[in-house]
C-alpha atoms as a PDB file:
ATOM      1  CA  MET A   1       8.373  -3.436 -33.702  1.00  0.00           C
ATOM      2  CA  SER A   2       5.349  -3.013 -31.287  1.00  0.00           C
ATOM      3  CA  ALA A   3       5.417  -0.143 -28.979  1.00  0.00           C
ATOM      4  CA  THR A   4       5.148  -1.320 -25.216  1.00  0.00           C
ATOM      5  CA  ILE A   5       2.976   0.629 -22.312  1.00  0.00           C
ATOM      6  CA  GLY A   6       5.033   0.528 -19.247  1.00  0.00           C
ATOM      7  CA  LEU A   7       3.280  -3.515 -18.611  1.00  0.00           C
ATOM      8  CA  SER A   8       3.565  -6.962 -19.786  1.00  0.00           C
ATOM      9  CA  LEU A   9       1.420  -5.650 -22.878  1.00  0.00           C
ATOM     10  CA  ARG A  10       2.553  -5.120 -26.386  1.00  0.00           C
ATOM     11  CA  LEU A  11       0.384  -3.086 -28.995  1.00  0.00           C
ATOM     12  CA  PRO A  12       0.189  -3.756 -32.048  1.00  0.00           C
ATOM     13  CA  GLU A  13       2.656  -3.087 -34.880  1.00  0.00           C
ATOM     14  CA  GLY A  14       1.258   0.950 -36.033  1.00  0.00           C
ATOM     15  CA  TRP A  15       0.136   1.408 -32.647  1.00  0.00           C
ATOM     16  CA  THR A  16       1.085   3.648 -30.292  1.00  0.00           C
ATOM     17  CA  ALA A  17       0.591   4.917 -26.274  1.00  0.00           C
ATOM     18  CA  GLU A  18       0.961   8.720 -25.012  1.00  0.00           C
ATOM     19  CA  ARG A  19       0.277   9.423 -21.524  1.00  0.00           C
ATOM     20  CA  VAL A  20      -1.537  12.735 -21.727  1.00  0.00           C
ATOM     21  CA  GLU A  21      -1.733  15.235 -18.815  1.00  0.00           C
ATOM     22  CA  GLY A  22      -5.457  15.351 -17.308  1.00  0.00           C
ATOM     23  CA  ARG A  23      -6.402  12.484 -19.198  1.00  0.00           C
ATOM     24  CA  GLY A  24      -4.674   9.347 -19.006  1.00  0.00           C
ATOM     25  CA  VAL A  25      -2.999   6.956 -21.729  1.00  0.00           C
ATOM     26  CA  VAL A  26      -3.734   7.610 -25.167  1.00  0.00           C
ATOM     27  CA  ILE A  27      -3.760   4.674 -27.504  1.00  0.00           C
ATOM     28  CA  THR A  28      -3.689   5.007 -31.192  1.00  0.00           C
ATOM     29  CA  ALA A  29      -4.476   2.401 -33.933  1.00  0.00           C
ATOM     30  CA  ASP A  30      -3.257   3.583 -36.777  1.00  0.00           C
ATOM     31  CA  LEU A  31      -5.082   0.997 -39.727  1.00  0.00           C
ATOM     32  CA  ALA A  32      -4.982   1.137 -43.597  1.00  0.00           C
ATOM     33  CA  ALA A  33      -5.613   3.852 -45.434  1.00  0.00           C
ATOM     34  CA  GLY A  34      -4.790   5.975 -42.632  1.00  0.00           C
ATOM     35  CA  GLN A  35      -7.801   5.555 -40.539  1.00  0.00           C
ATOM     36  CA  LEU A  36      -7.250   6.350 -37.088  1.00  0.00           C
ATOM     37  CA  CYS A  37      -8.854   5.067 -33.751  1.00  0.00           C
ATOM     38  CA  GLN A  38      -8.346   5.810 -30.700  1.00  0.00           C
ATOM     39  CA  VAL A  39      -9.242   4.723 -26.715  1.00  0.00           C
ATOM     40  CA  THR A  40      -8.247   6.776 -23.922  1.00  0.00           C
ATOM     41  CA  VAL A  41      -7.324   4.633 -20.209  1.00  0.00           C
ATOM     42  CA  ASP A  42      -7.581   6.282 -17.011  1.00  0.00           C
ATOM     43  CA  GLU A  43      -5.824   4.491 -14.327  1.00  0.00           C
ATOM     44  CA  GLU A  44      -6.994   6.531 -11.506  1.00  0.00           C
ATOM     45  CA  ILE A  45     -10.830   5.878 -12.399  1.00  0.00           C
ATOM     46  CA  ARG A  46      -9.774   2.544 -13.525  1.00  0.00           C
ATOM     47  CA  SER A  47     -11.889   2.875 -16.795  1.00  0.00           C
ATOM     48  CA  PHE A  48     -11.916   3.581 -20.353  1.00  0.00           C
ATOM     49  CA  ALA A  49     -13.171   5.386 -23.301  1.00  0.00           C
ATOM     50  CA  ARG A  50     -13.321   5.323 -27.345  1.00  0.00           C
ATOM     51  CA  GLY A  51     -11.612   8.427 -28.425  1.00  0.00           C
ATOM     52  CA  ASN A  52      -9.037  10.783 -27.506  1.00  0.00           C
ATOM     53  CA  VAL A  53     -11.100  12.025 -24.592  1.00  0.00           C
ATOM     54  CA  ARG A  54     -11.819  12.817 -20.747  1.00  0.00           C
ATOM     55  CA  VAL A  55     -12.813   9.176 -19.375  1.00  0.00           C
ATOM     56  CA  GLU A  56     -16.300   9.938 -17.688  1.00  0.00           C
ATOM     57  CA  ASP A  57     -18.062   6.720 -18.144  1.00  0.00           C
ATOM     58  CA  GLU A  58     -17.340   3.981 -15.744  1.00  0.00           C
ATOM     59  CA  ASN A  59     -19.088   1.331 -17.697  1.00  0.00           C
ATOM     60  CA  HIS A  60     -15.583   0.154 -18.178  1.00  0.00           C
ATOM     61  CA  THR A  61     -14.206   0.006 -14.683  1.00  0.00           C
ATOM     62  CA  VAL A  62     -12.341  -2.601 -13.378  1.00  0.00           C
ATOM     63  CA  LEU A  63     -13.094  -3.608 -10.072  1.00  0.00           C
ATOM     64  CA  LEU A  64     -10.828  -1.824  -7.093  1.00  0.00           C
ATOM     65  CA  GLY A  65      -8.990  -4.514  -5.332  1.00  0.00           C
ATOM     66  CA  GLU A  66      -8.695  -7.191  -7.928  1.00  0.00           C
ATOM     67  CA  ARG A  67      -5.168  -8.805  -8.935  1.00  0.00           C
ATOM     68  CA  ARG A  68      -3.491  -7.656 -12.350  1.00  0.00           C
ATOM     69  CA  TRP A  69      -6.364  -4.664 -12.048  1.00  0.00           C
ATOM     70  CA  ARG A  70      -3.858  -2.888 -14.846  1.00  0.00           C
ATOM     71  CA  SER A  71      -3.075  -5.397 -17.568  1.00  0.00           C
ATOM     72  CA  ARG A  72      -6.579  -6.039 -17.424  1.00  0.00           C
ATOM     73  CA  LEU A  73      -7.713  -2.875 -17.955  1.00  0.00           C
ATOM     74  CA  TYR A  74      -5.646  -2.180 -20.962  1.00  0.00           C
ATOM     75  CA  ALA A  75      -6.692  -5.377 -22.249  1.00  0.00           C
ATOM     76  CA  ALA A  76     -10.241  -4.628 -22.078  1.00  0.00           C
ATOM     77  CA  ALA A  77      -9.434  -1.014 -24.075  1.00  0.00           C
ATOM     78  CA  ILE A  78      -7.574  -2.961 -26.788  1.00  0.00           C
ATOM     79  CA  ALA A  79     -10.075  -5.190 -26.973  1.00  0.00           C
ATOM     80  CA  ASP A  80     -12.269  -2.399 -27.212  1.00  0.00           C
ATOM     81  CA  LEU A  81     -10.202  -0.526 -29.673  1.00  0.00           C
ATOM     82  CA  ARG A  82      -9.507  -3.483 -32.198  1.00  0.00           C
ATOM     83  CA  LEU A  83     -13.682  -3.777 -32.381  1.00  0.00           C
ATOM     84  CA  SER A  84     -14.233  -0.085 -33.181  1.00  0.00           C
ATOM     85  CA  SER A  85     -11.696  -0.381 -35.754  1.00  0.00           C
ATOM     86  CA  ARG A  86     -13.343  -2.906 -38.012  1.00  0.00           C
END
């Protein structure tokens, strides 16, 4: 069964999401051959970065005031994680 992250988005089978104090939500993709890839989402600054890291890079920032920014932020982070895991 896929995990949820408190939104209508669902994570692929084998992926997890965990809230980490001082960082945000870390999404981990457990890939074949035991390889793990991660992305951290920081809702406070509305941005994400690859890895289990403190998000400082605002290259992936979702504009303030846009409707449904939270679901779009997670969708973008999940899409980026899928690309990085190939």
